[in-house]
Amino acid sequence: MINIRDKGAEIWENWNRPTRVIFVLSTITIIALLPFAAAWGPTSFLDTPITSFKNVLVYPVGMFVLMALGLNIVVGKSGLLDLGYVAFFAIGAYSQAILSTSFGWSTWEALPVGIGLAMVSGVLLGLPALRLRGDYLAIITLGFGEIVRIVILNSRKVTGGPDGIAGIKNPPAIFGLEFDLFHPEHFFWLVGVMVLLVIWMVRRFTVRRPGRAWEAIRQDEDVASLMGVNTLVYKLWSFVIGAAVGGAGGVLYASKVMVISPDMFKFEVSVLILACVVFGGIGNIWGVVLGASLLAYIPDRIRFISDARQVIFGLVLIIMMNLRPDGLLPRKKREKISEKRKK
């Protein structure tokens, strides 16, 4: 059976640089026009029962893609199981909320602060946690995510407690683009730019020393250590960079919804983002993007069947994971290993 991903990679390799540039720019243009897709047909089939397709593209689709790319640095590149990733998302969101409502800061002023606080949190978590492996690391990260949520819940004077924070400002206009409830496509383009920056960053890291170190750690941490790789430092790198992406996503999310509360940052969010990474293909950027897009959009699209949608959604995941255990678009090295094991 022809492998579609390998066929696509072969075609890409045969293209010259101008052809690749044209293809990439064309793809970005098509994606940028997606908010208007619902208006192209005779009906708004793409709209979900509770909101328009434009809004769904921002959240959950755009945000899930962004967070899944950040988590993929930790899980896919370094092979570390992080079950508390939502904590960095919450830290970024509350940074934006507090700075916006209490100090009048704009989104662009709060963005580096939210990213910085998420990175500091990644260091504080990573230094003690990354000395452990496997299930122990997963339990610690899970606990960290719950600790952040409970601290937010109980810090009523600062975070508003269970009531959350309302009145968060939308981002100021850029190049005449207004970011408000009437222009969700502008938010989608903003998140899209952030996604492209993260993809560019991950690809730069992958071909340099950190990427090679992450690959060695993912394959066998003991061997990597014996070969001279400072495993703790590079694992900490992946944690901090992943946290930065989560923090940036939180800032953008808070500025979009304008109201946040602790209930938005439960453990289930971390699990769903991890599912996006596994479903799409651990370690493969394009697989993660595809997986996150599908797992974010489909549950909202079938919301009209009420609680049964969760059962159907779960069955789809079980079936797909049995048919494609390495994900929809597995990374090449993982696929080769799986083929050898089958033989």
C-alpha atoms as a PDB file:
ATOM      1  CA  MET A   1       0.000   0.000   0.000  1.00  0.00           C
ATOM      2  CA  ILE A   2       1.341   3.411  -0.951  1.00  0.00           C
ATOM      3  CA  ASN A   3       2.206   5.593   2.024  1.00  0.00           C
ATOM      4  CA  ILE A   4       0.714   9.015   1.327  1.00  0.00           C
ATOM      5  CA  ARG A   5       3.112  10.806   3.667  1.00  0.00           C
ATOM      6  CA  ASP A   6       6.199   9.222   2.077  1.00  0.00           C
ATOM      7  CA  LYS A   7       4.856   9.986  -1.393  1.00  0.00           C
ATOM      8  CA  GLY A   8       4.335  13.598  -0.388  1.00  0.00           C
ATOM      9  CA  ALA A   9       7.853  13.789   1.047  1.00  0.00           C
ATOM     10  CA  GLU A  10       9.257  12.394  -2.216  1.00  0.00           C
ATOM     11  CA  ILE A  11       7.410  15.001  -4.271  1.00  0.00           C
ATOM     12  CA  TRP A  12       8.635  17.750  -1.924  1.00  0.00           C
ATOM     13  CA  GLU A  13      12.250  16.606  -2.296  1.00  0.00           C
ATOM     14  CA  ASN A  14      11.983  16.701  -6.086  1.00  0.00           C
ATOM     15  CA  TRP A  15      10.791  20.303  -6.117  1.00  0.00           C
ATOM     16  CA  ASN A  16      13.240  23.180  -6.487  1.00  0.00           C
ATOM     17  CA  ARG A  17      13.290  26.082  -4.033  1.00  0.00           C
ATOM     18  CA  PRO A  18      11.008  28.477  -6.002  1.00  0.00           C
ATOM     19  CA  THR A  19       8.381  25.749  -6.364  1.00  0.00           C
ATOM     20  CA  ARG A  20       8.512  25.041  -2.631  1.00  0.00           C
ATOM     21  CA  VAL A  21       8.142  28.732  -1.804  1.00  0.00           C
ATOM     22  CA  ILE A  22       5.131  29.080  -4.126  1.00  0.00           C
ATOM     23  CA  PHE A  23       3.512  25.987  -2.609  1.00  0.00           C
ATOM     24  CA  VAL A  24       4.043  27.192   0.971  1.00  0.00           C
ATOM     25  CA  LEU A  25       2.730  30.680   0.236  1.00  0.00           C
ATOM     26  CA  SER A  26      -0.296  29.228  -1.578  1.00  0.00           C
ATOM     27  CA  THR A  27      -1.050  26.936   1.365  1.00  0.00           C
ATOM     28  CA  ILE A  28      -0.787  29.799   3.865  1.00  0.00           C
ATOM     29  CA  THR A  29      -3.115  31.901   1.684  1.00  0.00           C
ATOM     30  CA  ILE A  30      -5.725  29.135   1.540  1.00  0.00           C
ATOM     31  CA  ILE A  31      -5.573  28.645   5.310  1.00  0.00           C
ATOM     32  CA  ALA A  32      -5.863  32.401   5.864  1.00  0.00           C
ATOM     33  CA  LEU A  33      -9.096  32.382   3.812  1.00  0.00           C
ATOM     34  CA  LEU A  34     -10.664  29.573   5.860  1.00  0.00           C
ATOM     35  CA  PRO A  35     -12.747  31.964   8.029  1.00  0.00           C
ATOM     36  CA  PHE A  36     -14.752  32.796   4.904  1.00  0.00           C
ATOM     37  CA  ALA A  37     -15.277  29.152   3.906  1.00  0.00           C
ATOM     38  CA  ALA A  38     -18.707  28.939   5.540  1.00  0.00           C
ATOM     39  CA  ALA A  39     -19.968  31.697   3.242  1.00  0.00           C
ATOM     40  CA  TRP A  40     -18.760  30.061   0.025  1.00  0.00           C
ATOM     41  CA  GLY A  41     -21.379  27.301  -0.035  1.00  0.00           C
ATOM     42  CA  PRO A  42     -25.189  27.430  -0.207  1.00  0.00           C
ATOM     43  CA  THR A  43     -25.431  26.740   3.552  1.00  0.00           C
ATOM     44  CA  SER A  44     -23.276  27.311   6.596  1.00  0.00           C
ATOM     45  CA  PHE A  45     -22.576  23.592   6.977  1.00  0.00           C
ATOM     46  CA  LEU A  46     -19.269  24.296   8.698  1.00  0.00           C
ATOM     47  CA  ASP A  47     -20.889  26.313  11.509  1.00  0.00           C
ATOM     48  CA  THR A  48     -21.288  24.477  14.817  1.00  0.00           C
ATOM     49  CA  PRO A  49     -24.558  24.387  16.824  1.00  0.00           C
ATOM     50  CA  ILE A  50     -23.335  27.034  19.265  1.00  0.00           C
ATOM     51  CA  THR A  51     -21.140  29.361  17.228  1.00  0.00           C
ATOM     52  CA  SER A  52     -19.938  30.249  13.752  1.00  0.00           C
ATOM     53  CA  PHE A  53     -17.113  28.565  11.882  1.00  0.00           C
ATOM     54  CA  LYS A  54     -15.034  31.740  12.205  1.00  0.00           C
ATOM     55  CA  ASN A  55     -15.125  31.575  15.996  1.00  0.00           C
ATOM     56  CA  VAL A  56     -14.429  27.840  16.092  1.00  0.00           C
ATOM     57  CA  LEU A  57     -11.300  28.403  13.998  1.00  0.00           C
ATOM     58  CA  VAL A  58      -9.921  30.664  16.744  1.00  0.00           C
ATOM     59  CA  TYR A  59     -10.970  28.528  19.687  1.00  0.00           C
ATOM     60  CA  PRO A  60     -10.726  25.627  19.984  1.00  0.00           C
ATOM     61  CA  VAL A  61      -9.018  24.885  16.627  1.00  0.00           C
ATOM     62  CA  GLY A  62      -6.337  27.595  16.490  1.00  0.00           C
ATOM     63  CA  MET A  63      -5.535  27.463  20.201  1.00  0.00           C
ATOM     64  CA  PHE A  64      -5.416  23.659  20.236  1.00  0.00           C
ATOM     65  CA  VAL A  65      -2.994  23.650  17.301  1.00  0.00           C
ATOM     66  CA  LEU A  66      -0.782  26.196  19.060  1.00  0.00           C
ATOM     67  CA  MET A  67      -0.786  24.339  22.387  1.00  0.00           C
ATOM     68  CA  ALA A  68      -0.326  20.948  20.729  1.00  0.00           C
ATOM     69  CA  LEU A  69       2.775  22.254  18.933  1.00  0.00           C
ATOM     70  CA  GLY A  70       4.132  23.443  22.282  1.00  0.00           C
ATOM     71  CA  LEU A  71       3.403  20.122  23.997  1.00  0.00           C
ATOM     72  CA  ASN A  72       4.901  18.266  21.044  1.00  0.00           C
ATOM     73  CA  ILE A  73       8.284  19.809  21.887  1.00  0.00           C
ATOM     74  CA  VAL A  74       8.106  18.101  25.279  1.00  0.00           C
ATOM     75  CA  VAL A  75       6.371  14.842  24.383  1.00  0.00           C
ATOM     76  CA  GLY A  76       7.291  14.356  20.738  1.00  0.00           C
ATOM     77  CA  LYS A  77      10.826  15.709  20.579  1.00  0.00           C
ATOM     78  CA  SER A  78      12.160  14.790  24.035  1.00  0.00           C
ATOM     79  CA  GLY A  79       9.917  11.841  24.866  1.00  0.00           C
ATOM     80  CA  LEU A  80       8.762  13.327  28.205  1.00  0.00           C
ATOM     81  CA  LEU A  81       5.191  12.755  29.392  1.00  0.00           C
ATOM     82  CA  ASP A  82       3.675  16.033  30.590  1.00  0.00           C
ATOM     83  CA  LEU A  83       0.137  15.845  32.014  1.00  0.00           C
ATOM     84  CA  GLY A  84       0.070  19.350  33.435  1.00  0.00           C
ATOM     85  CA  TYR A  85       0.573  21.429  30.313  1.00  0.00           C
ATOM     86  CA  VAL A  86      -2.636  23.371  30.927  1.00  0.00           C
ATOM     87  CA  ALA A  87      -0.875  25.073  33.868  1.00  0.00           C
ATOM     88  CA  PHE A  88       1.305  27.144  31.506  1.00  0.00           C
ATOM     89  CA  PHE A  89      -1.784  28.018  29.462  1.00  0.00           C
ATOM     90  CA  ALA A  90      -3.478  29.221  32.670  1.00  0.00           C
ATOM     91  CA  ILE A  91      -0.431  31.230  33.764  1.00  0.00           C
ATOM     92  CA  GLY A  92      -0.375  33.087  30.446  1.00  0.00           C
ATOM     93  CA  ALA A  93      -4.118  33.715  30.519  1.00  0.00           C
ATOM     94  CA  TYR A  94      -4.150  35.057  34.079  1.00  0.00           C
ATOM     95  CA  SER A  95      -1.081  37.202  33.393  1.00  0.00           C
ATOM     96  CA  GLN A  96      -2.977  38.885  30.583  1.00  0.00           C
ATOM     97  CA  ALA A  97      -6.159  39.170  32.669  1.00  0.00           C
ATOM     98  CA  ILE A  98      -4.495  40.734  35.727  1.00  0.00           C
ATOM     99  CA  LEU A  99      -2.252  43.100  33.789  1.00  0.00           C
ATOM    100  CA  SER A 100      -5.136  44.182  31.566  1.00  0.00           C
ATOM    101  CA  THR A 101      -7.795  44.781  34.221  1.00  0.00           C
ATOM    102  CA  SER A 102      -5.594  46.027  37.099  1.00  0.00           C
ATOM    103  CA  PHE A 103      -2.863  47.944  35.287  1.00  0.00           C
ATOM    104  CA  GLY A 104      -4.371  48.740  31.910  1.00  0.00           C
ATOM    105  CA  TRP A 105      -1.706  46.905  29.914  1.00  0.00           C
ATOM    106  CA  SER A 106      -2.405  45.967  26.314  1.00  0.00           C
ATOM    107  CA  THR A 107      -2.066  42.423  24.975  1.00  0.00           C
ATOM    108  CA  TRP A 108       1.252  43.252  23.290  1.00  0.00           C
ATOM    109  CA  GLU A 109       2.664  44.552  26.582  1.00  0.00           C
ATOM    110  CA  ALA A 110       1.374  41.571  28.558  1.00  0.00           C
ATOM    111  CA  LEU A 111       2.512  38.972  26.002  1.00  0.00           C
ATOM    112  CA  PRO A 112       6.235  38.905  26.940  1.00  0.00           C
ATOM    113  CA  VAL A 113       5.305  38.914  30.633  1.00  0.00           C
ATOM    114  CA  GLY A 114       2.967  35.953  30.200  1.00  0.00           C
ATOM    115  CA  ILE A 115       5.596  34.076  28.211  1.00  0.00           C
ATOM    116  CA  GLY A 116       8.283  34.926  30.772  1.00  0.00           C
ATOM    117  CA  LEU A 117       6.204  33.773  33.749  1.00  0.00           C
ATOM    118  CA  ALA A 118       5.359  30.526  31.975  1.00  0.00           C
ATOM    119  CA  MET A 119       9.059  29.934  31.249  1.00  0.00           C
ATOM    120  CA  VAL A 120       9.997  30.612  34.885  1.00  0.00           C
ATOM    121  CA  SER A 121       7.305  28.159  35.947  1.00  0.00           C
ATOM    122  CA  GLY A 122       8.762  25.631  33.511  1.00  0.00           C
ATOM    123  CA  VAL A 123      12.172  25.998  35.162  1.00  0.00           C
ATOM    124  CA  LEU A 124      10.711  25.717  38.679  1.00  0.00           C
ATOM    125  CA  LEU A 125       8.840  22.563  37.687  1.00  0.00           C
ATOM    126  CA  GLY A 126      11.562  21.099  35.514  1.00  0.00           C
ATOM    127  CA  LEU A 127      14.545  21.324  37.865  1.00  0.00           C
ATOM    128  CA  PRO A 128      13.155  18.834  40.430  1.00  0.00           C
ATOM    129  CA  ALA A 129      10.781  16.905  38.137  1.00  0.00           C
ATOM    130  CA  LEU A 130      13.076  16.132  35.206  1.00  0.00           C
ATOM    131  CA  ARG A 131      15.361  14.046  37.394  1.00  0.00           C
ATOM    132  CA  LEU A 132      12.547  11.480  37.319  1.00  0.00           C
ATOM    133  CA  ARG A 133      11.231   9.483  34.384  1.00  0.00           C
ATOM    134  CA  GLY A 134       8.134   7.802  33.046  1.00  0.00           C
ATOM    135  CA  ASP A 135       5.112   7.527  35.307  1.00  0.00           C
ATOM    136  CA  TYR A 136       6.776   9.478  38.124  1.00  0.00           C
ATOM    137  CA  LEU A 137       7.339  12.463  35.849  1.00  0.00           C
ATOM    138  CA  ALA A 138       3.747  12.238  34.599  1.00  0.00           C
ATOM    139  CA  ILE A 139       2.401  12.257  38.175  1.00  0.00           C
ATOM    140  CA  ILE A 140       4.491  15.294  39.149  1.00  0.00           C
ATOM    141  CA  THR A 141       3.395  17.305  36.098  1.00  0.00           C
ATOM    142  CA  LEU A 142      -0.226  16.317  36.723  1.00  0.00           C
ATOM    143  CA  GLY A 143       0.114  17.548  40.306  1.00  0.00           C
ATOM    144  CA  PHE A 144       1.673  20.810  39.126  1.00  0.00           C
ATOM    145  CA  GLY A 145      -1.275  21.480  36.846  1.00  0.00           C
ATOM    146  CA  GLU A 146      -3.722  20.933  39.694  1.00  0.00           C
ATOM    147  CA  ILE A 147      -1.643  23.044  42.099  1.00  0.00           C
ATOM    148  CA  VAL A 148      -1.736  26.015  39.698  1.00  0.00           C
ATOM    149  CA  ARG A 149      -5.501  25.691  39.268  1.00  0.00           C
ATOM    150  CA  ILE A 150      -6.133  25.400  43.024  1.00  0.00           C
ATOM    151  CA  VAL A 151      -3.879  28.381  43.788  1.00  0.00           C
ATOM    152  CA  ILE A 152      -5.820  30.429  41.240  1.00  0.00           C
ATOM    153  CA  LEU A 153      -9.071  29.203  42.757  1.00  0.00           C
ATOM    154  CA  ASN A 154      -8.084  30.244  46.278  1.00  0.00           C
ATOM    155  CA  SER A 155      -6.376  33.557  45.465  1.00  0.00           C
ATOM    156  CA  ARG A 156      -9.615  35.486  45.363  1.00  0.00           C
ATOM    157  CA  LYS A 157      -8.074  38.958  45.811  1.00  0.00           C
ATOM    158  CA  VAL A 158      -5.728  38.568  42.845  1.00  0.00           C
ATOM    159  CA  THR A 159      -7.418  36.094  40.492  1.00  0.00           C
ATOM    160  CA  GLY A 160     -11.056  36.536  41.465  1.00  0.00           C
ATOM    161  CA  GLY A 161     -11.251  32.999  42.820  1.00  0.00           C
ATOM    162  CA  PRO A 162     -14.011  30.815  41.330  1.00  0.00           C
ATOM    163  CA  ASP A 163     -15.632  33.887  39.744  1.00  0.00           C
ATOM    164  CA  GLY A 164     -12.573  34.534  37.575  1.00  0.00           C
ATOM    165  CA  ILE A 165     -11.711  37.840  35.934  1.00  0.00           C
ATOM    166  CA  ALA A 166     -13.944  39.778  33.540  1.00  0.00           C
ATOM    167  CA  GLY A 167     -13.400  42.868  31.436  1.00  0.00           C
ATOM    168  CA  ILE A 168     -10.145  41.751  29.815  1.00  0.00           C
ATOM    169  CA  LYS A 169      -9.161  44.029  26.959  1.00  0.00           C
ATOM    170  CA  ASN A 170      -8.981  42.894  23.359  1.00  0.00           C
ATOM    171  CA  PRO A 171      -5.648  43.426  21.567  1.00  0.00           C
ATOM    172  CA  PRO A 172      -5.107  46.886  20.051  1.00  0.00           C
ATOM    173  CA  ALA A 173      -5.508  47.178  16.297  1.00  0.00           C
ATOM    174  CA  ILE A 174      -2.551  46.329  14.038  1.00  0.00           C
ATOM    175  CA  PHE A 175      -2.312  47.649  10.464  1.00  0.00           C
ATOM    176  CA  GLY A 176      -5.969  48.625  10.676  1.00  0.00           C
ATOM    177  CA  LEU A 177      -7.119  45.158  11.799  1.00  0.00           C
ATOM    178  CA  GLU A 178      -9.545  45.373  14.712  1.00  0.00           C
ATOM    179  CA  PHE A 179      -9.504  42.524  17.228  1.00  0.00           C
ATOM    180  CA  ASP A 180     -13.006  42.309  18.652  1.00  0.00           C
ATOM    181  CA  LEU A 181     -16.074  40.054  18.703  1.00  0.00           C
ATOM    182  CA  PHE A 182     -17.126  41.290  15.270  1.00  0.00           C
ATOM    183  CA  HIS A 183     -13.854  40.277  13.588  1.00  0.00           C
ATOM    184  CA  PRO A 184     -12.957  36.695  14.650  1.00  0.00           C
ATOM    185  CA  GLU A 185     -11.058  36.235  11.408  1.00  0.00           C
ATOM    186  CA  HIS A 186      -8.511  38.790  12.631  1.00  0.00           C
ATOM    187  CA  PHE A 187      -7.954  36.711  15.764  1.00  0.00           C
ATOM    188  CA  PHE A 188      -7.537  33.637  13.557  1.00  0.00           C
ATOM    189  CA  TRP A 189      -4.858  35.385  11.515  1.00  0.00           C
ATOM    190  CA  LEU A 190      -3.123  36.464  14.728  1.00  0.00           C
ATOM    191  CA  VAL A 191      -3.095  32.897  16.082  1.00  0.00           C
ATOM    192  CA  GLY A 192      -2.001  31.684  12.644  1.00  0.00           C
ATOM    193  CA  VAL A 193       1.026  33.981  12.723  1.00  0.00           C
ATOM    194  CA  MET A 194       1.905  32.641  16.175  1.00  0.00           C
ATOM    195  CA  VAL A 195       1.573  29.049  14.898  1.00  0.00           C
ATOM    196  CA  LEU A 196       3.890  29.805  11.968  1.00  0.00           C
ATOM    197  CA  LEU A 197       6.460  31.326  14.329  1.00  0.00           C
ATOM    198  CA  VAL A 198       6.340  28.235  16.552  1.00  0.00           C
ATOM    199  CA  ILE A 199       6.715  25.900  13.548  1.00  0.00           C
ATOM    200  CA  TRP A 200       9.681  27.930  12.307  1.00  0.00           C
ATOM    201  CA  MET A 201      11.252  27.863  15.788  1.00  0.00           C
ATOM    202  CA  VAL A 202      10.774  24.107  16.217  1.00  0.00           C
ATOM    203  CA  ARG A 203      12.233  23.361  12.800  1.00  0.00           C
ATOM    204  CA  ARG A 204      15.281  25.551  13.562  1.00  0.00           C
ATOM    205  CA  PHE A 205      15.828  23.768  16.871  1.00  0.00           C
ATOM    206  CA  THR A 206      15.349  20.333  15.291  1.00  0.00           C
ATOM    207  CA  VAL A 207      18.271  20.676  12.868  1.00  0.00           C
ATOM    208  CA  ARG A 208      20.609  22.111  15.494  1.00  0.00           C
ATOM    209  CA  ARG A 209      22.232  20.770  18.648  1.00  0.00           C
ATOM    210  CA  PRO A 210      19.116  20.947  20.885  1.00  0.00           C
ATOM    211  CA  GLY A 211      17.111  18.941  18.337  1.00  0.00           C
ATOM    212  CA  ARG A 212      19.793  16.273  18.072  1.00  0.00           C
ATOM    213  CA  ALA A 213      20.044  16.104  21.857  1.00  0.00           C
ATOM    214  CA  TRP A 214      16.257  15.767  22.200  1.00  0.00           C
ATOM    215  CA  GLU A 215      16.272  12.957  19.651  1.00  0.00           C
ATOM    216  CA  ALA A 216      19.011  11.135  21.540  1.00  0.00           C
ATOM    217  CA  ILE A 217      17.177  11.550  24.852  1.00  0.00           C
ATOM    218  CA  ARG A 218      13.932  10.326  23.333  1.00  0.00           C
ATOM    219  CA  GLN A 219      15.600   7.224  21.913  1.00  0.00           C
ATOM    220  CA  ASP A 220      17.600   6.275  25.019  1.00  0.00           C
ATOM    221  CA  GLU A 221      18.386   8.716  27.802  1.00  0.00           C
ATOM    222  CA  ASP A 222      21.092   6.543  29.392  1.00  0.00           C
ATOM    223  CA  VAL A 223      22.993   6.158  26.130  1.00  0.00           C
ATOM    224  CA  ALA A 224      22.638   9.889  25.432  1.00  0.00           C
ATOM    225  CA  SER A 225      24.120  10.660  28.846  1.00  0.00           C
ATOM    226  CA  LEU A 226      27.033   8.280  28.248  1.00  0.00           C
ATOM    227  CA  MET A 227      27.682  10.008  24.911  1.00  0.00           C
ATOM    228  CA  GLY A 228      28.148  13.339  26.708  1.00  0.00           C
ATOM    229  CA  VAL A 229      24.687  14.873  26.309  1.00  0.00           C
ATOM    230  CA  ASN A 230      23.700  16.948  29.338  1.00  0.00           C
ATOM    231  CA  THR A 231      20.263  15.358  29.553  1.00  0.00           C
ATOM    232  CA  LEU A 232      18.929  17.533  32.389  1.00  0.00           C
ATOM    233  CA  VAL A 233      19.811  20.773  30.587  1.00  0.00           C
ATOM    234  CA  TYR A 234      18.262  19.753  27.276  1.00  0.00           C
ATOM    235  CA  LYS A 235      15.155  18.304  28.907  1.00  0.00           C
ATOM    236  CA  LEU A 236      14.821  21.596  30.760  1.00  0.00           C
ATOM    237  CA  TRP A 237      15.178  23.409  27.432  1.00  0.00           C
ATOM    238  CA  SER A 238      12.245  21.465  25.996  1.00  0.00           C
ATOM    239  CA  PHE A 239      10.133  22.120  29.086  1.00  0.00           C
ATOM    240  CA  VAL A 240      10.841  25.847  29.053  1.00  0.00           C
ATOM    241  CA  ILE A 241      10.243  26.287  25.322  1.00  0.00           C
ATOM    242  CA  GLY A 242       7.033  24.268  25.507  1.00  0.00           C
ATOM    243  CA  ALA A 243       5.925  26.364  28.491  1.00  0.00           C
ATOM    244  CA  ALA A 244       6.623  29.573  26.549  1.00  0.00           C
ATOM    245  CA  VAL A 245       4.303  28.455  23.744  1.00  0.00           C
ATOM    246  CA  GLY A 246       1.605  27.543  26.273  1.00  0.00           C
ATOM    247  CA  GLY A 247       1.976  30.933  27.987  1.00  0.00           C
ATOM    248  CA  ALA A 248       1.680  32.779  24.674  1.00  0.00           C
ATOM    249  CA  GLY A 249      -1.457  30.798  23.859  1.00  0.00           C
ATOM    250  CA  GLY A 250      -2.938  31.707  27.236  1.00  0.00           C
ATOM    251  CA  VAL A 251      -2.378  35.437  26.684  1.00  0.00           C
ATOM    252  CA  LEU A 252      -4.052  35.341  23.266  1.00  0.00           C
ATOM    253  CA  TYR A 253      -6.916  33.223  24.591  1.00  0.00           C
ATOM    254  CA  ALA A 254      -7.683  35.567  27.485  1.00  0.00           C
ATOM    255  CA  SER A 255      -7.631  38.596  25.185  1.00  0.00           C
ATOM    256  CA  LYS A 256     -10.115  36.842  22.878  1.00  0.00           C
ATOM    257  CA  VAL A 257     -12.707  35.540  25.377  1.00  0.00           C
ATOM    258  CA  MET A 258     -12.400  38.602  27.717  1.00  0.00           C
ATOM    259  CA  VAL A 259     -13.582  36.512  30.706  1.00  0.00           C
ATOM    260  CA  ILE A 260     -11.658  33.638  32.306  1.00  0.00           C
ATOM    261  CA  SER A 261     -12.205  31.382  35.314  1.00  0.00           C
ATOM    262  CA  PRO A 262     -10.415  28.369  36.864  1.00  0.00           C
ATOM    263  CA  ASP A 263     -12.931  25.970  35.288  1.00  0.00           C
ATOM    264  CA  MET A 264     -11.393  26.708  31.890  1.00  0.00           C
ATOM    265  CA  PHE A 265      -8.055  25.186  32.928  1.00  0.00           C
ATOM    266  CA  LYS A 266      -8.942  21.739  34.232  1.00  0.00           C
ATOM    267  CA  PHE A 267      -6.905  18.555  33.854  1.00  0.00           C
ATOM    268  CA  GLU A 268      -9.132  17.479  30.954  1.00  0.00           C
ATOM    269  CA  VAL A 269      -7.599  20.198  28.772  1.00  0.00           C
ATOM    270  CA  SER A 270      -4.111  18.731  29.234  1.00  0.00           C
ATOM    271  CA  VAL A 271      -5.412  15.276  28.333  1.00  0.00           C
ATOM    272  CA  LEU A 272      -7.138  16.563  25.200  1.00  0.00           C
ATOM    273  CA  ILE A 273      -4.031  18.436  24.035  1.00  0.00           C
ATOM    274  CA  LEU A 274      -1.961  15.289  24.619  1.00  0.00           C
ATOM    275  CA  ALA A 275      -4.544  13.339  22.623  1.00  0.00           C
ATOM    276  CA  CYS A 276      -4.080  15.821  19.759  1.00  0.00           C
ATOM    277  CA  VAL A 277      -0.344  15.103  19.729  1.00  0.00           C
ATOM    278  CA  VAL A 278      -0.744  11.310  19.884  1.00  0.00           C
ATOM    279  CA  PHE A 279      -3.646  11.216  17.414  1.00  0.00           C
ATOM    280  CA  GLY A 280      -1.840  13.337  14.838  1.00  0.00           C
ATOM    281  CA  GLY A 281       1.564  11.684  15.175  1.00  0.00           C
ATOM    282  CA  ILE A 282       4.025  12.196  18.006  1.00  0.00           C
ATOM    283  CA  GLY A 283       7.018  14.220  16.880  1.00  0.00           C
ATOM    284  CA  ASN A 284       5.619  15.159  13.456  1.00  0.00           C
ATOM    285  CA  ILE A 285       4.727  18.864  13.253  1.00  0.00           C
ATOM    286  CA  TRP A 286       2.230  18.446  10.414  1.00  0.00           C
ATOM    287  CA  GLY A 287       0.650  15.415  12.045  1.00  0.00           C
ATOM    288  CA  VAL A 288       0.174  17.382  15.267  1.00  0.00           C
ATOM    289  CA  VAL A 289      -1.428  20.265  13.351  1.00  0.00           C
ATOM    290  CA  LEU A 290      -3.807  17.862  11.592  1.00  0.00           C
ATOM    291  CA  GLY A 291      -4.648  15.950  14.773  1.00  0.00           C
ATOM    292  CA  ALA A 292      -5.291  19.098  16.792  1.00  0.00           C
ATOM    293  CA  SER A 293      -7.499  20.567  14.054  1.00  0.00           C
ATOM    294  CA  LEU A 294      -9.657  17.441  13.842  1.00  0.00           C
ATOM    295  CA  LEU A 295      -9.952  16.814  17.588  1.00  0.00           C
ATOM    296  CA  ALA A 296     -10.799  20.466  18.230  1.00  0.00           C
ATOM    297  CA  TYR A 297     -13.411  20.857  15.494  1.00  0.00           C
ATOM    298  CA  ILE A 298     -15.254  17.513  15.399  1.00  0.00           C
ATOM    299  CA  PRO A 299     -16.593  17.528  19.016  1.00  0.00           C
ATOM    300  CA  ASP A 300     -17.989  21.035  18.530  1.00  0.00           C
ATOM    301  CA  ARG A 301     -19.486  20.134  15.141  1.00  0.00           C
ATOM    302  CA  ILE A 302     -21.422  17.158  16.569  1.00  0.00           C
ATOM    303  CA  ARG A 303     -22.498  18.999  19.708  1.00  0.00           C
ATOM    304  CA  PHE A 304     -26.131  18.714  18.545  1.00  0.00           C
ATOM    305  CA  ILE A 305     -26.205  15.077  19.704  1.00  0.00           C
ATOM    306  CA  SER A 306     -25.584  16.252  23.283  1.00  0.00           C
ATOM    307  CA  ASP A 307     -23.809  13.868  25.679  1.00  0.00           C
ATOM    308  CA  ALA A 308     -23.660  11.072  23.112  1.00  0.00           C
ATOM    309  CA  ARG A 309     -21.008  13.043  21.245  1.00  0.00           C
ATOM    310  CA  GLN A 310     -18.452  12.153  23.919  1.00  0.00           C
ATOM    311  CA  VAL A 311     -19.150   8.450  23.413  1.00  0.00           C
ATOM    312  CA  ILE A 312     -18.859   8.762  19.626  1.00  0.00           C
ATOM    313  CA  PHE A 313     -15.726  10.870  19.991  1.00  0.00           C
ATOM    314  CA  GLY A 314     -14.157   8.250  22.274  1.00  0.00           C
ATOM    315  CA  LEU A 315     -15.049   5.405  19.919  1.00  0.00           C
ATOM    316  CA  VAL A 316     -13.502   7.263  16.976  1.00  0.00           C
ATOM    317  CA  LEU A 317     -10.262   7.721  18.953  1.00  0.00           C
ATOM    318  CA  ILE A 318     -10.183   4.015  19.938  1.00  0.00           C
ATOM    319  CA  ILE A 319     -10.766   2.872  16.362  1.00  0.00           C
ATOM    320  CA  MET A 320      -8.195   5.266  14.903  1.00  0.00           C
ATOM    321  CA  MET A 321      -5.555   4.339  17.472  1.00  0.00           C
ATOM    322  CA  ASN A 322      -6.031   0.672  16.590  1.00  0.00           C
ATOM    323  CA  LEU A 323      -5.832   1.343  12.870  1.00  0.00           C
ATOM    324  CA  ARG A 324      -3.031   3.938  13.125  1.00  0.00           C
ATOM    325  CA  PRO A 325      -1.216   3.374  16.452  1.00  0.00           C
ATOM    326  CA  ASP A 326       1.524   5.847  15.470  1.00  0.00           C
ATOM    327  CA  GLY A 327      -0.984   8.562  14.562  1.00  0.00           C
ATOM    328  CA  LEU A 328      -2.401   9.921  11.326  1.00  0.00           C
ATOM    329  CA  LEU A 329       0.972  11.245  10.141  1.00  0.00           C
ATOM    330  CA  PRO A 330       3.694   9.435  12.121  1.00  0.00           C
ATOM    331  CA  ARG A 331       7.227  10.730  12.096  1.00  0.00           C
ATOM    332  CA  LYS A 332       9.400   8.788   9.693  1.00  0.00           C
ATOM    333  CA  LYS A 333      11.721   7.252  12.260  1.00  0.00           C
ATOM    334  CA  ARG A 334       8.838   6.030  14.411  1.00  0.00           C
ATOM    335  CA  GLU A 335       7.236   4.412  11.383  1.00  0.00           C
ATOM    336  CA  LYS A 336      10.445   2.578  10.480  1.00  0.00           C
ATOM    337  CA  ILE A 337      10.796   1.279  14.027  1.00  0.00           C
ATOM    338  CA  SER A 338       7.187   0.048  14.010  1.00  0.00           C
ATOM    339  CA  GLU A 339       7.735  -1.770  10.722  1.00  0.00           C
ATOM    340  CA  LYS A 340      10.828  -3.512  12.068  1.00  0.00           C
ATOM    341  CA  ARG A 341       8.952  -4.626  15.190  1.00  0.00           C
ATOM    342  CA  LYS A 342       6.145  -6.109  13.044  1.00  0.00           C
ATOM    343  CA  LYS A 343       8.700  -8.099  11.059  1.00  0.00           C
END
